[in-house]
PDB file of all heavy atoms in Angstrom:
ATOM      1  N   PHE A   1      -3.162  -2.331   9.601  1.00  0.00           N
ATOM      2  CA  PHE A   1      -3.401  -1.616   8.428  1.00  0.00           C
ATOM      3  C   PHE A   1      -4.572  -0.562   8.779  1.00  0.00           C
ATOM      4  O   PHE A   1      -5.565  -0.924   9.337  1.00  0.00           O
ATOM      5  CB  PHE A   1      -3.840  -2.638   7.425  1.00  0.00           C
ATOM      6  CG  PHE A   1      -4.498  -1.986   6.162  1.00  0.00           C
ATOM      7  CD1 PHE A   1      -3.713  -1.372   5.259  1.00  0.00           C
ATOM      8  CD2 PHE A   1      -5.893  -2.183   5.912  1.00  0.00           C
ATOM      9  CE1 PHE A   1      -4.353  -0.889   4.120  1.00  0.00           C
ATOM     10  CE2 PHE A   1      -6.486  -1.673   4.859  1.00  0.00           C
ATOM     11  CZ  PHE A   1      -5.686  -1.084   3.901  1.00  0.00           C
ATOM     12  N   VAL A   2      -4.556   0.464   8.087  1.00  0.00           N
ATOM     13  CA  VAL A   2      -5.534   1.563   8.186  1.00  0.00           C
ATOM     14  C   VAL A   2      -6.132   1.754   6.699  1.00  0.00           C
ATOM     15  O   VAL A   2      -7.340   1.687   6.556  1.00  0.00           O
ATOM     16  CB  VAL A   2      -5.040   2.829   8.667  1.00  0.00           C
ATOM     17  CG1 VAL A   2      -6.018   3.875   8.675  1.00  0.00           C
ATOM     18  CG2 VAL A   2      -4.534   2.620  10.192  1.00  0.00           C
ATOM     19  N   ALA A   3      -5.286   2.151   5.863  1.00  0.00           N
ATOM     20  CA  ALA A   3      -5.748   2.499   4.458  1.00  0.00           C
ATOM     21  C   ALA A   3      -4.666   2.407   3.440  1.00  0.00           C
ATOM     22  O   ALA A   3      -3.481   2.533   3.802  1.00  0.00           O
ATOM     23  CB  ALA A   3      -6.321   3.892   4.411  1.00  0.00           C
ATOM     24  N   SER A   4      -4.991   2.253   2.160  1.00  0.00           N
ATOM     25  CA  SER A   4      -4.029   2.201   1.134  1.00  0.00           C
ATOM     26  C   SER A   4      -4.665   2.676  -0.096  1.00  0.00           C
ATOM     27  O   SER A   4      -5.830   2.686  -0.253  1.00  0.00           O
ATOM     28  CB  SER A   4      -3.504   0.782   0.934  1.00  0.00           C
ATOM     29  OG  SER A   4      -4.525  -0.135   0.508  1.00  0.00           O
ATOM     30  N   ILE A   5      -3.793   3.140  -1.082  1.00  0.00           N
ATOM     31  CA  ILE A   5      -4.243   3.748  -2.369  1.00  0.00           C
ATOM     32  C   ILE A   5      -3.214   3.179  -3.461  1.00  0.00           C
ATOM     33  O   ILE A   5      -2.036   3.055  -3.196  1.00  0.00           O
ATOM     34  CB  ILE A   5      -4.223   5.163  -2.231  1.00  0.00           C
ATOM     35  CG1 ILE A   5      -4.903   5.826  -3.448  1.00  0.00           C
ATOM     36  CG2 ILE A   5      -2.864   5.905  -1.964  1.00  0.00           C
ATOM     37  CD1 ILE A   5      -5.189   7.254  -3.317  1.00  0.00           C
ATOM     38  N   SER A   6      -3.885   2.832  -4.499  1.00  0.00           N
ATOM     39  CA  SER A   6      -3.020   2.310  -5.633  1.00  0.00           C
ATOM     40  C   SER A   6      -2.137   3.276  -6.183  1.00  0.00           C
ATOM     41  O   SER A   6      -2.119   4.519  -5.987  1.00  0.00           O
ATOM     42  CB  SER A   6      -4.039   1.814  -6.772  1.00  0.00           C
ATOM     43  OG  SER A   6      -4.748   2.779  -7.372  1.00  0.00           O
ATOM     44  N   ARG A   7      -1.224   2.956  -7.186  1.00  0.00           N
ATOM     45  CA  ARG A   7      -0.235   3.762  -7.808  1.00  0.00           C
ATOM     46  C   ARG A   7      -0.981   4.838  -8.506  1.00  0.00           C
ATOM     47  O   ARG A   7      -0.586   5.958  -8.484  1.00  0.00           O
ATOM     48  CB  ARG A   7       0.625   3.003  -8.723  1.00  0.00           C
ATOM     49  CG  ARG A   7       1.621   2.062  -8.176  1.00  0.00           C
ATOM     50  CD  ARG A   7       2.221   1.227  -9.101  1.00  0.00           C
ATOM     51  NE  ARG A   7       2.587   1.996 -10.376  1.00  0.00           N
ATOM     52  CZ  ARG A   7       2.727   1.435 -11.571  1.00  0.00           C
ATOM     53  NH1 ARG A   7       2.777   0.153 -11.692  1.00  0.00           N
ATOM     54  NH2 ARG A   7       3.106   2.083 -12.665  1.00  0.00           N
ATOM     55  N   SER A   8      -2.061   4.419  -9.308  1.00  0.00           N
ATOM     56  CA  SER A   8      -2.799   5.391  -9.980  1.00  0.00           C
ATOM     57  C   SER A   8      -3.787   6.363  -9.109  1.00  0.00           C
ATOM     58  O   SER A   8      -4.133   7.314  -9.704  1.00  0.00           O
ATOM     59  CB  SER A   8      -3.708   4.609 -10.978  1.00  0.00           C
ATOM     60  OG  SER A   8      -4.621   3.826 -10.278  1.00  0.00           O
ATOM     61  N   GLY A   9      -3.970   5.907  -7.988  1.00  0.00           N
ATOM     62  CA  GLY A   9      -4.803   6.767  -7.083  1.00  0.00           C
ATOM     63  C   GLY A   9      -6.283   6.395  -7.314  1.00  0.00           C
ATOM     64  O   GLY A   9      -7.129   6.908  -6.644  1.00  0.00           O
ATOM     65  N   VAL A  10      -6.591   5.461  -8.317  1.00  0.00           N
ATOM     66  CA  VAL A  10      -7.955   5.263  -8.522  1.00  0.00           C
ATOM     67  C   VAL A  10      -8.574   4.262  -7.560  1.00  0.00           C
ATOM     68  O   VAL A  10      -9.901   4.328  -7.164  1.00  0.00           O
ATOM     69  CB  VAL A  10      -8.096   4.511  -9.991  1.00  0.00           C
ATOM     70  CG1 VAL A  10      -9.485   4.048 -10.318  1.00  0.00           C
ATOM     71  CG2 VAL A  10      -7.635   5.597 -11.073  1.00  0.00           C
ATOM     72  N   VAL A  11      -7.775   3.333  -7.004  1.00  0.00           N
ATOM     73  CA  VAL A  11      -8.361   2.401  -6.133  1.00  0.00           C
ATOM     74  C   VAL A  11      -7.892   2.675  -4.733  1.00  0.00           C
ATOM     75  O   VAL A  11      -6.655   2.954  -4.394  1.00  0.00           O
ATOM     76  CB  VAL A  11      -7.942   0.986  -6.540  1.00  0.00           C
ATOM     77  CG1 VAL A  11      -8.650  -0.116  -5.559  1.00  0.00           C
ATOM     78  CG2 VAL A  11      -8.389   0.606  -7.999  1.00  0.00           C
ATOM     79  N   THR A  12      -8.762   2.545  -3.735  1.00  0.00           N
ATOM     80  CA  THR A  12      -8.492   2.625  -2.281  1.00  0.00           C
ATOM     81  C   THR A  12      -8.962   1.430  -1.506  1.00  0.00           C
ATOM     82  O   THR A  12      -9.941   0.852  -1.892  1.00  0.00           O
ATOM     83  CB  THR A  12      -9.027   3.926  -1.818  1.00  0.00           C
ATOM     84  OG1 THR A  12     -10.480   4.000  -1.943  1.00  0.00           O
ATOM     85  CG2 THR A  12      -8.485   5.212  -2.442  1.00  0.00           C
ATOM     86  N   GLY A  13      -8.324   1.275  -0.362  1.00  0.00           N
ATOM     87  CA  GLY A  13      -8.840   0.281   0.558  1.00  0.00           C
ATOM     88  C   GLY A  13      -8.788   0.701   1.971  1.00  0.00           C
ATOM     89  O   GLY A  13      -7.806   1.554   2.358  1.00  0.00           O
ATOM     90  N   TYR A  14      -9.609   0.227   2.764  1.00  0.00           N
ATOM     91  CA  TYR A  14      -9.710   0.701   4.201  1.00  0.00           C
ATOM     92  C   TYR A  14      -9.971  -0.405   5.148  1.00  0.00           C
ATOM     93  O   TYR A  14     -10.544  -1.465   4.813  1.00  0.00           O
ATOM     94  CB  TYR A  14     -10.860   1.703   4.370  1.00  0.00           C
ATOM     95  CG  TYR A  14     -10.703   3.092   3.516  1.00  0.00           C
ATOM     96  CD1 TYR A  14     -11.143   3.082   2.286  1.00  0.00           C
ATOM     97  CD2 TYR A  14     -10.009   4.078   4.047  1.00  0.00           C
ATOM     98  CE1 TYR A  14     -11.109   4.263   1.524  1.00  0.00           C
ATOM     99  CE2 TYR A  14      -9.833   5.221   3.321  1.00  0.00           C
ATOM    100  CZ  TYR A  14     -10.317   5.267   2.026  1.00  0.00           C
ATOM    101  OH  TYR A  14     -10.162   6.447   1.307  1.00  0.00           O
ATOM    102  N   ALA A  15      -9.455  -0.276   6.360  1.00  0.00           N
ATOM    103  CA  ALA A  15      -9.792  -1.227   7.376  1.00  0.00           C
ATOM    104  C   ALA A  15     -11.279  -0.961   7.739  1.00  0.00           C
ATOM    105  O   ALA A  15     -11.707   0.201   7.655  1.00  0.00           O
ATOM    106  CB  ALA A  15      -8.888  -1.053   8.633  1.00  0.00           C
ATOM    107  N   ASP A  16     -11.988  -2.033   8.223  1.00  0.00           N
ATOM    108  CA  ASP A  16     -13.301  -1.902   8.507  1.00  0.00           C
ATOM    109  C   ASP A  16     -13.579  -0.851   9.630  1.00  0.00           C
ATOM    110  O   ASP A  16     -14.586  -0.137   9.569  1.00  0.00           O
ATOM    111  CB  ASP A  16     -13.942  -3.223   9.028  1.00  0.00           C
ATOM    112  CG  ASP A  16     -14.043  -4.194   7.816  1.00  0.00           C
ATOM    113  OD1 ASP A  16     -13.982  -3.875   6.784  1.00  0.00           O
ATOM    114  OD2 ASP A  16     -14.187  -5.399   8.161  1.00  0.00           O
ATOM    115  N   SER A  17     -12.610  -0.769  10.551  1.00  0.00           N
ATOM    116  CA  SER A  17     -12.761   0.189  11.665  1.00  0.00           C
ATOM    117  C   SER A  17     -12.789   1.694  11.263  1.00  0.00           C
ATOM    118  O   SER A  17     -13.154   2.532  12.001  1.00  0.00           O
ATOM    119  CB  SER A  17     -11.604  -0.028  12.665  1.00  0.00           C
ATOM    120  OG  SER A  17     -10.397   0.069  12.084  1.00  0.00           O
ATOM    121  N   VAL A  18     -12.218   1.987  10.042  1.00  0.00           N
ATOM    122  CA  VAL A  18     -12.176   3.474   9.731  1.00  0.00           C
ATOM    123  C   VAL A  18     -13.015   3.715   8.456  1.00  0.00           C
ATOM    124  O   VAL A  18     -13.091   4.870   8.073  1.00  0.00           O
ATOM    125  CB  VAL A  18     -10.721   3.803   9.454  1.00  0.00           C
ATOM    126  CG1 VAL A  18      -9.796   3.457  10.557  1.00  0.00           C
ATOM    127  CG2 VAL A  18     -10.186   3.193   8.102  1.00  0.00           C
ATOM    128  N   LYS A  19     -13.592   2.731   7.786  1.00  0.00           N
ATOM    129  CA  LYS A  19     -14.495   2.970   6.614  1.00  0.00           C
ATOM    130  C   LYS A  19     -15.482   3.968   6.925  1.00  0.00           C
ATOM    131  O   LYS A  19     -16.181   3.912   7.945  1.00  0.00           O
ATOM    132  CB  LYS A  19     -15.089   1.584   6.177  1.00  0.00           C
ATOM    133  CG  LYS A  19     -14.220   0.777   5.311  1.00  0.00           C
ATOM    134  CD  LYS A  19     -14.902  -0.487   4.908  1.00  0.00           C
ATOM    135  CE  LYS A  19     -14.067  -1.315   4.042  1.00  0.00           C
ATOM    136  NZ  LYS A  19     -14.677  -2.703   3.652  1.00  0.00           N
ATOM    137  N   GLY A  20     -15.676   4.858   6.011  1.00  0.00           N
ATOM    138  CA  GLY A  20     -16.614   5.880   6.080  1.00  0.00           C
ATOM    139  C   GLY A  20     -16.278   7.137   6.999  1.00  0.00           C
ATOM    140  O   GLY A  20     -16.935   8.214   7.031  1.00  0.00           O
ATOM    141  N   ARG A  21     -15.098   6.953   7.643  1.00  0.00           N
ATOM    142  CA  ARG A  21     -14.700   8.149   8.396  1.00  0.00           C
ATOM    143  C   ARG A  21     -13.200   8.632   7.854  1.00  0.00           C
ATOM    144  O   ARG A  21     -12.923   9.798   8.079  1.00  0.00           O
ATOM    145  CB  ARG A  21     -14.434   7.603   9.967  1.00  0.00           C
ATOM    146  CG  ARG A  21     -15.705   7.114  10.546  1.00  0.00           C
ATOM    147  CD  ARG A  21     -15.491   6.955  12.086  1.00  0.00           C
ATOM    148  NE  ARG A  21     -14.509   5.856  12.277  1.00  0.00           N
ATOM    149  CZ  ARG A  21     -13.466   6.073  12.985  1.00  0.00           C
ATOM    150  NH1 ARG A  21     -13.162   7.267  13.506  1.00  0.00           N
ATOM    151  NH2 ARG A  21     -12.450   5.029  13.157  1.00  0.00           N
ATOM    152  N   PHE A  22     -12.466   7.732   7.376  1.00  0.00           N
ATOM    153  CA  PHE A  22     -11.154   8.199   6.940  1.00  0.00           C
ATOM    154  C   PHE A  22     -11.089   8.178   5.313  1.00  0.00           C
ATOM    155  O   PHE A  22     -11.785   7.396   4.782  1.00  0.00           O
ATOM    156  CB  PHE A  22     -10.067   7.219   7.360  1.00  0.00           C
ATOM    157  CG  PHE A  22      -9.754   7.327   8.848  1.00  0.00           C
ATOM    158  CD1 PHE A  22     -10.553   8.000   9.693  1.00  0.00           C
ATOM    159  CD2 PHE A  22      -8.729   6.640   9.388  1.00  0.00           C
ATOM    160  CE1 PHE A  22     -10.252   8.054  11.175  1.00  0.00           C
ATOM    161  CE2 PHE A  22      -8.290   6.722  10.786  1.00  0.00           C
ATOM    162  CZ  PHE A  22      -9.166   7.414  11.506  1.00  0.00           C
ATOM    163  N   THR A  23     -10.364   9.060   4.733  1.00  0.00           N
ATOM    164  CA  THR A  23     -10.219   9.093   3.356  1.00  0.00           C
ATOM    165  C   THR A  23      -8.700   9.272   3.009  1.00  0.00           C
ATOM    166  O   THR A  23      -8.044  10.202   3.452  1.00  0.00           O
ATOM    167  CB  THR A  23     -11.046  10.300   2.698  1.00  0.00           C
ATOM    168  OG1 THR A  23     -12.447  10.119   3.061  1.00  0.00           O
ATOM    169  CG2 THR A  23     -10.865  10.232   1.208  1.00  0.00           C
ATOM    170  N   ILE A  24      -8.177   8.422   2.108  1.00  0.00           N
ATOM    171  CA  ILE A  24      -6.829   8.403   1.667  1.00  0.00           C
ATOM    172  C   ILE A  24      -6.788   8.974   0.208  1.00  0.00           C
ATOM    173  O   ILE A  24      -7.641   8.724  -0.529  1.00  0.00           O
ATOM    174  CB  ILE A  24      -6.095   7.050   1.776  1.00  0.00           C
ATOM    175  CG1 ILE A  24      -4.627   7.261   1.433  1.00  0.00           C
ATOM    176  CG2 ILE A  24      -6.830   6.100   0.799  1.00  0.00           C
ATOM    177  CD1 ILE A  24      -3.875   5.927   1.760  1.00  0.00           C
ATOM    178  N   SER A  25      -5.792   9.835  -0.023  1.00  0.00           N
ATOM    179  CA  SER A  25      -5.666  10.404  -1.388  1.00  0.00           C
ATOM    180  C   SER A  25      -4.197  10.582  -1.604  1.00  0.00           C
ATOM    181  O   SER A  25      -3.337  10.571  -0.645  1.00  0.00           O
ATOM    182  CB  SER A  25      -6.420  11.743  -1.478  1.00  0.00           C
ATOM    183  OG  SER A  25      -5.934  12.621  -0.569  1.00  0.00           O
ATOM    184  N   ARG A  26      -3.853  10.915  -2.827  1.00  0.00           N
ATOM    185  CA  ARG A  26      -2.452  10.980  -3.194  1.00  0.00           C
ATOM    186  C   ARG A  26      -2.304  12.012  -4.365  1.00  0.00           C
ATOM    187  O   ARG A  26      -3.269  12.291  -5.166  1.00  0.00           O
ATOM    188  CB  ARG A  26      -1.790   9.766  -3.616  1.00  0.00           C
ATOM    189  CG  ARG A  26      -2.244   9.173  -4.977  1.00  0.00           C
ATOM    190  CD  ARG A  26      -1.673   7.744  -5.198  1.00  0.00           C
ATOM    191  NE  ARG A  26      -0.237   7.843  -5.407  1.00  0.00           N
ATOM    192  CZ  ARG A  26       0.628   6.796  -5.320  1.00  0.00           C
ATOM    193  NH1 ARG A  26       0.171   5.659  -4.856  1.00  0.00           N
ATOM    194  NH2 ARG A  26       1.924   7.017  -5.587  1.00  0.00           N
ATOM    195  N   ASP A  27      -1.223  12.678  -4.380  1.00  0.00           N
ATOM    196  CA  ASP A  27      -0.840  13.715  -5.552  1.00  0.00           C
ATOM    197  C   ASP A  27       0.501  13.320  -6.059  1.00  0.00           C
ATOM    198  O   ASP A  27       1.553  13.467  -5.454  1.00  0.00           O
ATOM    199  CB  ASP A  27      -0.657  15.052  -4.930  1.00  0.00           C
ATOM    200  CG  ASP A  27      -0.617  16.137  -5.948  1.00  0.00           C
ATOM    201  OD1 ASP A  27      -0.090  15.781  -7.020  1.00  0.00           O
ATOM    202  OD2 ASP A  27      -0.901  17.270  -5.619  1.00  0.00           O
ATOM    203  N   ASN A  28       0.439  12.569  -7.195  1.00  0.00           N
ATOM    204  CA  ASN A  28       1.585  12.069  -7.773  1.00  0.00           C
ATOM    205  C   ASN A  28       2.484  13.165  -8.318  1.00  0.00           C
ATOM    206  O   ASN A  28       3.707  12.983  -8.671  1.00  0.00           O
ATOM    207  CB  ASN A  28       1.270  11.050  -8.941  1.00  0.00           C
ATOM    208  CG  ASN A  28       0.881   9.801  -8.381  1.00  0.00           C
ATOM    209  OD1 ASN A  28       0.901   9.442  -7.279  1.00  0.00           O
ATOM    210  ND2 ASN A  28       0.376   8.848  -9.295  1.00  0.00           N
ATOM    211  N   ALA A  29       2.041  14.368  -8.611  1.00  0.00           N
ATOM    212  CA  ALA A  29       2.836  15.455  -8.993  1.00  0.00           C
ATOM    213  C   ALA A  29       3.682  16.009  -7.803  1.00  0.00           C
ATOM    214  O   ALA A  29       4.787  16.615  -8.083  1.00  0.00           O
ATOM    215  CB  ALA A  29       1.941  16.606  -9.572  1.00  0.00           C
ATOM    216  N   LYS A  30       3.152  15.824  -6.626  1.00  0.00           N
ATOM    217  CA  LYS A  30       3.822  16.405  -5.445  1.00  0.00           C
ATOM    218  C   LYS A  30       4.453  15.491  -4.492  1.00  0.00           C
ATOM    219  O   LYS A  30       5.044  15.739  -3.576  1.00  0.00           O
ATOM    220  CB  LYS A  30       2.872  17.190  -4.597  1.00  0.00           C
ATOM    221  CG  LYS A  30       2.352  18.467  -5.245  1.00  0.00           C
ATOM    222  CD  LYS A  30       1.449  19.313  -4.458  1.00  0.00           C
ATOM    223  CE  LYS A  30       0.898  20.513  -5.173  1.00  0.00           C
ATOM    224  NZ  LYS A  30       0.015  21.457  -4.310  1.00  0.00           N
ATOM    225  N   ASP A  31       4.288  14.077  -5.031  1.00  0.00           N
ATOM    226  CA  ASP A  31       4.826  12.992  -4.191  1.00  0.00           C
ATOM    227  C   ASP A  31       4.364  12.976  -2.683  1.00  0.00           C
ATOM    228  O   ASP A  31       5.094  12.897  -1.816  1.00  0.00           O
ATOM    229  CB  ASP A  31       6.422  13.065  -4.180  1.00  0.00           C
ATOM    230  CG  ASP A  31       6.903  12.799  -5.559  1.00  0.00           C
ATOM    231  OD1 ASP A  31       6.195  12.521  -6.575  1.00  0.00           O
ATOM    232  OD2 ASP A  31       8.180  12.747  -5.678  1.00  0.00           O
ATOM    233  N   THR A  32       3.070  13.165  -2.611  1.00  0.00           N
ATOM    234  CA  THR A  32       2.492  13.277  -1.260  1.00  0.00           C
ATOM    235  C   THR A  32       1.204  12.328  -1.138  1.00  0.00           C
ATOM    236  O   THR A  32       0.535  12.037  -2.171  1.00  0.00           O
ATOM    237  CB  THR A  32       2.104  14.669  -0.894  1.00  0.00           C
ATOM    238  OG1 THR A  32       1.093  15.168  -1.721  1.00  0.00           O
ATOM    239  CG2 THR A  32       3.298  15.577  -0.777  1.00  0.00           C
ATOM    240  N   VAL A  33       0.962  11.802   0.024  1.00  0.00           N
ATOM    241  CA  VAL A  33      -0.209  11.080   0.345  1.00  0.00           C
ATOM    242  C   VAL A  33      -0.844  11.617   1.631  1.00  0.00           C
ATOM    243  O   VAL A  33      -0.050  11.919   2.522  1.00  0.00           O
ATOM    244  CB  VAL A  33       0.072   9.563   0.388  1.00  0.00           C
ATOM    245  CG1 VAL A  33       1.085   9.293   1.480  1.00  0.00           C
ATOM    246  CG2 VAL A  33      -1.146   8.762   0.616  1.00  0.00           C
ATOM    247  N   THR A  34      -2.103  11.745   1.620  1.00  0.00           N
ATOM    248  CA  THR A  34      -2.709  12.261   2.773  1.00  0.00           C
ATOM    249  C   THR A  34      -3.808  11.345   3.331  1.00  0.00           C
ATOM    250  O   THR A  34      -4.407  10.436   2.622  1.00  0.00           O
ATOM    251  CB  THR A  34      -3.413  13.672   2.490  1.00  0.00           C
ATOM    252  OG1 THR A  34      -4.488  13.313   1.409  1.00  0.00           O
ATOM    253  CG2 THR A  34      -2.364  14.691   1.972  1.00  0.00           C
TER     254      THR A  34
END
C-alpha cells in the first residue's frame, strides 16, 4: 500500500514510508486520481 483517498476526497491515508513526500488527490468530475 502507498496511499488512498476516500470517495469524497476529504480523507486520505498514506504508508509511513511516503508520508510528507507523496500527496494523493482526486477529481470526481473527471474520474481521475493523481
